[in-house]
PDB file of N, CA and C in Angstrom:
ATOM      1  N   MET A   1       0.842  -1.172   0.000  1.00  0.00           N
ATOM      2  CA  MET A   1       0.000   0.000   0.000  1.00  0.00           C
ATOM      3  C   MET A   1       0.890   1.239   0.000  1.00  0.00           C
ATOM      4  N   THR A   2       0.602   2.145  -0.892  1.00  0.00           N
ATOM      5  CA  THR A   2       1.364   3.380  -0.966  1.00  0.00           C
ATOM      6  C   THR A   2       0.594   4.492  -0.260  1.00  0.00           C
ATOM      7  N   VAL A   3       1.256   5.110   0.699  1.00  0.00           N
ATOM      8  CA  VAL A   3       0.696   6.259   1.409  1.00  0.00           C
ATOM      9  C   VAL A   3       1.621   7.438   1.135  1.00  0.00           C
ATOM     10  N   THR A   4       1.048   8.534   0.681  1.00  0.00           N
ATOM     11  CA  THR A   4       1.835   9.734   0.419  1.00  0.00           C
ATOM     12  C   THR A   4       1.315  10.868   1.285  1.00  0.00           C
ATOM     13  N   VAL A   5       2.246  11.538   1.966  1.00  0.00           N
ATOM     14  CA  VAL A   5       1.914  12.689   2.800  1.00  0.00           C
ATOM     15  C   VAL A   5       2.543  13.920   2.147  1.00  0.00           C
ATOM     16  N   PHE A   6       1.699  14.810   1.674  1.00  0.00           N
ATOM     17  CA  PHE A   6       2.154  16.058   1.070  1.00  0.00           C
ATOM     18  C   PHE A   6       2.235  17.095   2.186  1.00  0.00           C
ATOM     19  N   THR A   7       3.419  17.662   2.382  1.00  0.00           N
ATOM     20  CA  THR A   7       3.663  18.523   3.529  1.00  0.00           C
ATOM     21  C   THR A   7       4.200  19.884   3.114  1.00  0.00           C
ATOM     22  N   LYS A   8       4.368  20.727   4.130  1.00  0.00           N
ATOM     23  CA  LYS A   8       5.072  21.997   3.955  1.00  0.00           C
ATOM     24  C   LYS A   8       5.883  22.230   5.224  1.00  0.00           C
ATOM     25  N   PRO A   9       6.909  23.045   5.152  1.00  0.00           N
ATOM     26  CA  PRO A   9       7.737  23.308   6.334  1.00  0.00           C
ATOM     27  C   PRO A   9       6.945  24.010   7.439  1.00  0.00           C
ATOM     28  N   HIS A  10       7.387  23.796   8.681  1.00  0.00           N
ATOM     29  CA  HIS A  10       6.810  24.484   9.844  1.00  0.00           C
ATOM     30  C   HIS A  10       5.305  24.225   9.968  1.00  0.00           C
ATOM     31  N   CYS A  11       4.907  22.973   9.749  1.00  0.00           N
ATOM     32  CA  CYS A  11       3.495  22.594   9.761  1.00  0.00           C
ATOM     33  C   CYS A  11       3.268  21.576  10.881  1.00  0.00           C
ATOM     34  N   PRO A  12       2.728  22.007  12.020  1.00  0.00           N
ATOM     35  CA  PRO A  12       2.525  21.081  13.142  1.00  0.00           C
ATOM     36  C   PRO A  12       1.638  19.884  12.790  1.00  0.00           C
ATOM     37  N   GLN A  13       0.583  20.111  12.000  1.00  0.00           N
ATOM     38  CA  GLN A  13      -0.293  19.002  11.619  1.00  0.00           C
ATOM     39  C   GLN A  13       0.441  17.999  10.722  1.00  0.00           C
ATOM     40  N   CYS A  14       1.340  18.511   9.885  1.00  0.00           N
ATOM     41  CA  CYS A  14       2.141  17.623   9.020  1.00  0.00           C
ATOM     42  C   CYS A  14       3.043  16.747   9.878  1.00  0.00           C
ATOM     43  N   GLU A  15       3.710  17.363  10.836  1.00  0.00           N
ATOM     44  CA  GLU A  15       4.619  16.615  11.713  1.00  0.00           C
ATOM     45  C   GLU A  15       3.855  15.586  12.544  1.00  0.00           C
ATOM     46  N   ALA A  16       2.683  15.970  13.059  1.00  0.00           N
ATOM     47  CA  ALA A  16       1.881  15.038  13.847  1.00  0.00           C
ATOM     48  C   ALA A  16       1.430  13.853  13.000  1.00  0.00           C
ATOM     49  N   THR A  17       1.062  14.106  11.765  1.00  0.00           N
ATOM     50  CA  THR A  17       0.632  13.035  10.863  1.00  0.00           C
ATOM     51  C   THR A  17       1.775  12.068  10.598  1.00  0.00           C
ATOM     52  N   LYS A  18       2.950  12.602  10.293  1.00  0.00           N
ATOM     53  CA  LYS A  18       4.107  11.735  10.019  1.00  0.00           C
ATOM     54  C   LYS A  18       4.505  10.948  11.267  1.00  0.00           C
ATOM     55  N   ARG A  19       4.479  11.594  12.437  1.00  0.00           N
ATOM     56  CA  ARG A  19       4.800  10.895  13.692  1.00  0.00           C
ATOM     57  C   ARG A  19       3.848   9.729  13.936  1.00  0.00           C
ATOM     58  N   GLN A  20       2.563   9.964  13.719  1.00  0.00           N
ATOM     59  CA  GLN A  20       1.561   8.930  13.976  1.00  0.00           C
ATOM     60  C   GLN A  20       1.719   7.757  13.008  1.00  0.00           C
ATOM     61  N   PHE A  21       1.952   8.038  11.735  1.00  0.00           N
ATOM     62  CA  PHE A  21       2.190   6.954  10.771  1.00  0.00           C
ATOM     63  C   PHE A  21       3.417   6.141  11.191  1.00  0.00           C
ATOM     64  N   THR A  22       4.479   6.835  11.579  1.00  0.00           N
ATOM     65  CA  THR A  22       5.699   6.153  12.003  1.00  0.00           C
ATOM     66  C   THR A  22       5.440   5.307  13.247  1.00  0.00           C
ATOM     67  N   LYS A  23       4.757   5.876  14.227  1.00  0.00           N
ATOM     68  CA  LYS A  23       4.455   5.169  15.478  1.00  0.00           C
ATOM     69  C   LYS A  23       3.660   3.882  15.215  1.00  0.00           C
ATOM     70  N   LEU A  24       2.742   3.945  14.241  1.00  0.00           N
ATOM     71  CA  LEU A  24       1.892   2.792  13.941  1.00  0.00           C
ATOM     72  C   LEU A  24       2.510   1.845  12.914  1.00  0.00           C
ATOM     73  N   GLY A  25       3.732   2.163  12.471  1.00  0.00           N
ATOM     74  CA  GLY A  25       4.435   1.275  11.553  1.00  0.00           C
ATOM     75  C   GLY A  25       3.939   1.317  10.120  1.00  0.00           C
ATOM     76  N   VAL A  26       3.358   2.430   9.725  1.00  0.00           N
ATOM     77  CA  VAL A  26       2.852   2.574   8.359  1.00  0.00           C
ATOM     78  C   VAL A  26       3.926   3.251   7.504  1.00  0.00           C
ATOM     79  N   PRO A  27       4.429   2.561   6.490  1.00  0.00           N
ATOM     80  CA  PRO A  27       5.406   3.211   5.609  1.00  0.00           C
ATOM     81  C   PRO A  27       4.715   4.285   4.759  1.00  0.00           C
ATOM     82  N   PHE A  28       5.409   5.377   4.559  1.00  0.00           N
ATOM     83  CA  PHE A  28       4.831   6.461   3.756  1.00  0.00           C
ATOM     84  C   PHE A  28       5.936   7.222   3.038  1.00  0.00           C
ATOM     85  N   GLU A  29       5.520   7.904   1.982  1.00  0.00           N
ATOM     86  CA  GLU A  29       6.409   8.800   1.248  1.00  0.00           C
ATOM     87  C   GLU A  29       6.007  10.222   1.595  1.00  0.00           C
ATOM     88  N   THR A  30       6.990  11.116   1.642  1.00  0.00           N
ATOM     89  CA  THR A  30       6.730  12.516   1.943  1.00  0.00           C
ATOM     90  C   THR A  30       7.089  13.359   0.732  1.00  0.00           C
ATOM     91  N   VAL A  31       6.203  14.284   0.381  1.00  0.00           N
ATOM     92  CA  VAL A  31       6.460  15.232  -0.700  1.00  0.00           C
ATOM     93  C   VAL A  31       6.320  16.630  -0.120  1.00  0.00           C
ATOM     94  N   ASP A  32       7.403  17.420  -0.191  1.00  0.00           N
ATOM     95  CA  ASP A  32       7.390  18.805   0.279  1.00  0.00           C
ATOM     96  C   ASP A  32       6.784  19.669  -0.816  1.00  0.00           C
ATOM     97  N   LEU A  33       5.640  20.244  -0.530  1.00  0.00           N
ATOM     98  CA  LEU A  33       4.937  21.025  -1.550  1.00  0.00           C
ATOM     99  C   LEU A  33       5.659  22.307  -1.922  1.00  0.00           C
ATOM    100  N   THR A  34       6.544  22.812  -1.057  1.00  0.00           N
ATOM    101  CA  THR A  34       7.289  24.016  -1.420  1.00  0.00           C
ATOM    102  C   THR A  34       8.332  23.709  -2.489  1.00  0.00           C
ATOM    103  N   GLU A  35       8.700  22.438  -2.613  1.00  0.00           N
ATOM    104  CA  GLU A  35       9.663  22.038  -3.642  1.00  0.00           C
ATOM    105  C   GLU A  35       8.973  21.491  -4.885  1.00  0.00           C
ATOM    106  N   ASN A  36       7.651  21.395  -4.850  1.00  0.00           N
ATOM    107  CA  ASN A  36       6.876  20.836  -5.954  1.00  0.00           C
ATOM    108  C   ASN A  36       5.655  21.713  -6.236  1.00  0.00           C
ATOM    109  N   PRO A  37       5.876  22.921  -6.769  1.00  0.00           N
ATOM    110  CA  PRO A  37       4.750  23.845  -6.960  1.00  0.00           C
ATOM    111  C   PRO A  37       3.679  23.315  -7.908  1.00  0.00           C
ATOM    112  N   SER A  38       4.046  22.515  -8.897  1.00  0.00           N
ATOM    113  CA  SER A  38       3.024  21.989  -9.808  1.00  0.00           C
ATOM    114  C   SER A  38       2.128  20.983  -9.081  1.00  0.00           C
ATOM    115  N   THR A  39       2.705  20.220  -8.163  1.00  0.00           N
ATOM    116  CA  THR A  39       1.904  19.284  -7.368  1.00  0.00           C
ATOM    117  C   THR A  39       0.961  20.064  -6.456  1.00  0.00           C
ATOM    118  N   LEU A  40       1.450  21.136  -5.860  1.00  0.00           N
ATOM    119  CA  LEU A  40       0.607  21.995  -5.027  1.00  0.00           C
ATOM    120  C   LEU A  40      -0.577  22.516  -5.834  1.00  0.00           C
ATOM    121  N   GLU A  41      -0.320  22.970  -7.050  1.00  0.00           N
ATOM    122  CA  GLU A  41      -1.394  23.476  -7.909  1.00  0.00           C
ATOM    123  C   GLU A  41      -2.418  22.391  -8.207  1.00  0.00           C
ATOM    124  N   GLN A  42      -1.942  21.165  -8.465  1.00  0.00           N
ATOM    125  CA  GLN A  42      -2.853  20.053  -8.754  1.00  0.00           C
ATOM    126  C   GLN A  42      -3.724  19.732  -7.538  1.00  0.00           C
ATOM    127  N   LEU A  43      -3.119  19.708  -6.355  1.00  0.00           N
ATOM    128  CA  LEU A  43      -3.882  19.417  -5.148  1.00  0.00           C
ATOM    129  C   LEU A  43      -4.906  20.512  -4.872  1.00  0.00           C
ATOM    130  N   GLN A  44      -4.514  21.765  -5.075  1.00  0.00           N
ATOM    131  CA  GLN A  44      -5.451  22.874  -4.875  1.00  0.00           C
ATOM    132  C   GLN A  44      -6.601  22.790  -5.876  1.00  0.00           C
ATOM    133  N   ALA A  45      -6.299  22.431  -7.121  1.00  0.00           N
ATOM    134  CA  ALA A  45      -7.334  22.293  -8.142  1.00  0.00           C
ATOM    135  C   ALA A  45      -8.304  21.161  -7.799  1.00  0.00           C
ATOM    136  N   ALA A  46      -7.805  20.159  -7.064  1.00  0.00           N
ATOM    137  CA  ALA A  46      -8.649  19.035  -6.653  1.00  0.00           C
ATOM    138  C   ALA A  46      -9.454  19.354  -5.395  1.00  0.00           C
ATOM    139  N   GLY A  47      -9.258  20.560  -4.833  1.00  0.00           N
ATOM    140  CA  GLY A  47     -10.053  20.985  -3.700  1.00  0.00           C
ATOM    141  C   GLY A  47      -9.370  20.903  -2.349  1.00  0.00           C
ATOM    142  N   PHE A  48      -8.121  20.472  -2.317  1.00  0.00           N
ATOM    143  CA  PHE A  48      -7.399  20.404  -1.049  1.00  0.00           C
ATOM    144  C   PHE A  48      -6.895  21.793  -0.690  1.00  0.00           C
ATOM    145  N   ARG A  49      -7.194  22.240   0.538  1.00  0.00           N
ATOM    146  CA  ARG A  49      -6.883  23.616   0.917  1.00  0.00           C
ATOM    147  C   ARG A  49      -5.939  23.747   2.105  1.00  0.00           C
ATOM    148  N   GLN A  50      -5.548  22.630   2.735  1.00  0.00           N
ATOM    149  CA  GLN A  50      -4.629  22.733   3.867  1.00  0.00           C
ATOM    150  C   GLN A  50      -3.686  21.543   3.861  1.00  0.00           C
ATOM    151  N   ALA A  51      -2.596  21.702   4.576  1.00  0.00           N
ATOM    152  CA  ALA A  51      -1.619  20.625   4.695  1.00  0.00           C
ATOM    153  C   ALA A  51      -1.761  19.995   6.074  1.00  0.00           C
ATOM    154  N   PRO A  52      -1.402  18.752   6.191  1.00  0.00           N
ATOM    155  CA  PRO A  52      -0.941  17.875   5.125  1.00  0.00           C
ATOM    156  C   PRO A  52      -2.105  17.369   4.287  1.00  0.00           C
ATOM    157  N   VAL A  53      -1.773  16.928   3.088  1.00  0.00           N
ATOM    158  CA  VAL A  53      -2.711  16.168   2.271  1.00  0.00           C
ATOM    159  C   VAL A  53      -2.192  14.740   2.295  1.00  0.00           C
ATOM    160  N   VAL A  54      -3.048  13.812   2.690  1.00  0.00           N
ATOM    161  CA  VAL A  54      -2.682  12.406   2.738  1.00  0.00           C
ATOM    162  C   VAL A  54      -3.471  11.678   1.667  1.00  0.00           C
ATOM    163  N   ILE A  55      -2.769  10.899   0.854  1.00  0.00           N
ATOM    164  CA  ILE A  55      -3.428  10.122  -0.192  1.00  0.00           C
ATOM    165  C   ILE A  55      -3.024   8.664  -0.034  1.00  0.00           C
ATOM    166  N   THR A  56      -4.036   7.803   0.057  1.00  0.00           N
ATOM    167  CA  THR A  56      -3.843   6.355   0.131  1.00  0.00           C
ATOM    168  C   THR A  56      -4.584   5.751  -1.062  1.00  0.00           C
ATOM    169  N   PRO A  57      -4.434   4.452  -1.300  1.00  0.00           N
ATOM    170  CA  PRO A  57      -5.172   3.858  -2.423  1.00  0.00           C
ATOM    171  C   PRO A  57      -6.694   3.990  -2.288  1.00  0.00           C
ATOM    172  N   ASP A  58      -7.198   4.072  -1.058  1.00  0.00           N
ATOM    173  CA  ASP A  58      -8.645   4.068  -0.850  1.00  0.00           C
ATOM    174  C   ASP A  58      -9.223   5.367  -0.322  1.00  0.00           C
ATOM    175  N   ASN A  59      -8.378   6.341   0.010  1.00  0.00           N
ATOM    176  CA  ASN A  59      -8.891   7.521   0.687  1.00  0.00           C
ATOM    177  C   ASN A  59      -7.941   8.696   0.480  1.00  0.00           C
ATOM    178  N   SER A  60      -8.427   9.890   0.790  1.00  0.00           N
ATOM    179  CA  SER A  60      -7.573  11.085   0.820  1.00  0.00           C
ATOM    180  C   SER A  60      -8.214  12.074   1.779  1.00  0.00           C
ATOM    181  N   TRP A  61      -7.364  12.859   2.439  1.00  0.00           N
ATOM    182  CA  TRP A  61      -7.866  13.841   3.389  1.00  0.00           C
ATOM    183  C   TRP A  61      -6.815  14.912   3.627  1.00  0.00           C
ATOM    184  N   THR A  62      -7.236  15.979   4.312  1.00  0.00           N
ATOM    185  CA  THR A  62      -6.318  17.033   4.712  1.00  0.00           C
ATOM    186  C   THR A  62      -6.331  17.147   6.222  1.00  0.00           C
ATOM    187  N   GLY A  63      -5.248  17.696   6.749  1.00  0.00           N
ATOM    188  CA  GLY A  63      -5.150  17.915   8.185  1.00  0.00           C
ATOM    189  C   GLY A  63      -4.734  16.668   8.940  1.00  0.00           C
ATOM    190  N   TYR A  64      -4.573  16.831  10.239  1.00  0.00           N
ATOM    191  CA  TYR A  64      -4.198  15.727  11.121  1.00  0.00           C
ATOM    192  C   TYR A  64      -5.458  14.964  11.490  1.00  0.00           C
ATOM    193  N   ARG A  65      -5.570  13.725  11.025  1.00  0.00           N
ATOM    194  CA  ARG A  65      -6.749  12.896  11.249  1.00  0.00           C
ATOM    195  C   ARG A  65      -6.337  11.563  11.870  1.00  0.00           C
ATOM    196  N   PRO A  66      -6.154  11.522  13.189  1.00  0.00           N
ATOM    197  CA  PRO A  66      -5.726  10.275  13.819  1.00  0.00           C
ATOM    198  C   PRO A  66      -6.680   9.117  13.583  1.00  0.00           C
ATOM    199  N   ASP A  67      -7.970   9.412  13.440  1.00  0.00           N
ATOM    200  CA  ASP A  67      -8.938   8.349  13.182  1.00  0.00           C
ATOM    201  C   ASP A  67      -8.669   7.674  11.834  1.00  0.00           C
ATOM    202  N   LEU A  68      -8.390   8.471  10.812  1.00  0.00           N
ATOM    203  CA  LEU A  68      -8.117   7.913   9.491  1.00  0.00           C
ATOM    204  C   LEU A  68      -6.734   7.268   9.426  1.00  0.00           C
ATOM    205  N   ILE A  69      -5.792   7.817  10.169  1.00  0.00           N
ATOM    206  CA  ILE A  69      -4.456   7.214  10.228  1.00  0.00           C
ATOM    207  C   ILE A  69      -4.554   5.810  10.838  1.00  0.00           C
ATOM    208  N   ARG A  70      -5.356   5.662  11.893  1.00  0.00           N
ATOM    209  CA  ARG A  70      -5.545   4.339  12.508  1.00  0.00           C
ATOM    210  C   ARG A  70      -6.182   3.360  11.525  1.00  0.00           C
ATOM    211  N   GLU A  71      -7.131   3.835  10.730  1.00  0.00           N
ATOM    212  CA  GLU A  71      -7.768   2.963   9.731  1.00  0.00           C
ATOM    213  C   GLU A  71      -6.741   2.474   8.715  1.00  0.00           C
ATOM    214  N   VAL A  72      -5.866   3.365   8.268  1.00  0.00           N
ATOM    215  CA  VAL A  72      -4.812   2.962   7.323  1.00  0.00           C
ATOM    216  C   VAL A  72      -3.897   1.944   7.987  1.00  0.00           C
ATOM    217  N   ALA A  73      -3.545   2.165   9.250  1.00  0.00           N
ATOM    218  CA  ALA A  73      -2.679   1.227   9.969  1.00  0.00           C
ATOM    219  C   ALA A  73      -3.325  -0.153  10.043  1.00  0.00           C
ATOM    220  N   LYS A  74      -4.641  -0.199  10.272  1.00  0.00           N
ATOM    221  CA  LYS A  74      -5.345  -1.487  10.306  1.00  0.00           C
ATOM    222  C   LYS A  74      -5.274  -2.174   8.944  1.00  0.00           C
ATOM    223  N   GLN A  75      -5.439  -1.408   7.874  1.00  0.00           N
ATOM    224  CA  GLN A  75      -5.366  -1.983   6.531  1.00  0.00           C
ATOM    225  C   GLN A  75      -3.965  -2.518   6.249  1.00  0.00           C
ATOM    226  N   VAL A  76      -2.944  -1.780   6.655  1.00  0.00           N
ATOM    227  CA  VAL A  76      -1.563  -2.214   6.434  1.00  0.00           C
ATOM    228  C   VAL A  76      -1.301  -3.500   7.223  1.00  0.00           C
ATOM    229  N   ALA A  77      -1.767  -3.542   8.470  1.00  0.00           N
ATOM    230  CA  ALA A  77      -1.567  -4.730   9.290  1.00  0.00           C
ATOM    231  C   ALA A  77      -2.279  -5.946   8.704  1.00  0.00           C
ATOM    232  N   ALA A  78      -3.437  -5.726   8.074  1.00  0.00           N
ATOM    233  CA  ALA A  78      -4.211  -6.833   7.512  1.00  0.00           C
ATOM    234  C   ALA A  78      -3.530  -7.456   6.295  1.00  0.00           C
ATOM    235  N   VAL A  79      -2.752  -6.659   5.568  1.00  0.00           N
ATOM    236  CA  VAL A  79      -2.095  -7.189   4.361  1.00  0.00           C
ATOM    237  C   VAL A  79      -0.626  -7.509   4.585  1.00  0.00           C
ATOM    238  N   ALA A  80      -0.108  -7.208   5.777  1.00  0.00           N
ATOM    239  CA  ALA A  80       1.308  -7.483   6.070  1.00  0.00           C
ATOM    240  C   ALA A  80       1.524  -8.992   6.142  1.00  0.00           C
ATOM    241  N   PRO A  81       2.627  -9.472   5.561  1.00  0.00           N
ATOM    242  CA  PRO A  81       2.908 -10.906   5.644  1.00  0.00           C
ATOM    243  C   PRO A  81       3.203 -11.323   7.086  1.00  0.00           C
ATOM    244  N   VAL A  82       2.753 -12.494   7.426  1.00  0.00           N
ATOM    245  CA  VAL A  82       2.982 -13.024   8.767  1.00  0.00           C
ATOM    246  C   VAL A  82       4.380 -13.619   8.815  1.00  0.00           C
ATOM    247  N   ALA A  83       5.153 -13.244   9.838  1.00  0.00           N
ATOM    248  CA  ALA A  83       6.527 -13.757   9.970  1.00  0.00           C
ATOM    249  C   ALA A  83       6.477 -15.229  10.334  1.00  0.00           C
ATOM    250  N   ALA A  84       7.355 -16.000   9.720  1.00  0.00           N
ATOM    251  CA  ALA A  84       7.373 -17.450   9.987  1.00  0.00           C
ATOM    252  C   ALA A  84       8.272 -17.778  11.153  1.00  0.00           C
TER     253      ALA A  84
END
């Protein structure tokens, strides 16, 4: 499962989102929107108005959403291979 967190510098909600994903063992990619202005424009055109923007295969949202982060963690745990 690919999880992407679109962030910006000095963003407490972005940092909280990344911390929570890390704490729950969810791998994610980070994209700094200040270094990717065309991506920022695309996200704004899609209606996203605040950071972070989180995109998963099944969902997308803005802001710090611990409830949705937990749901993603459950999905990741359900598809993770069982260690032998």
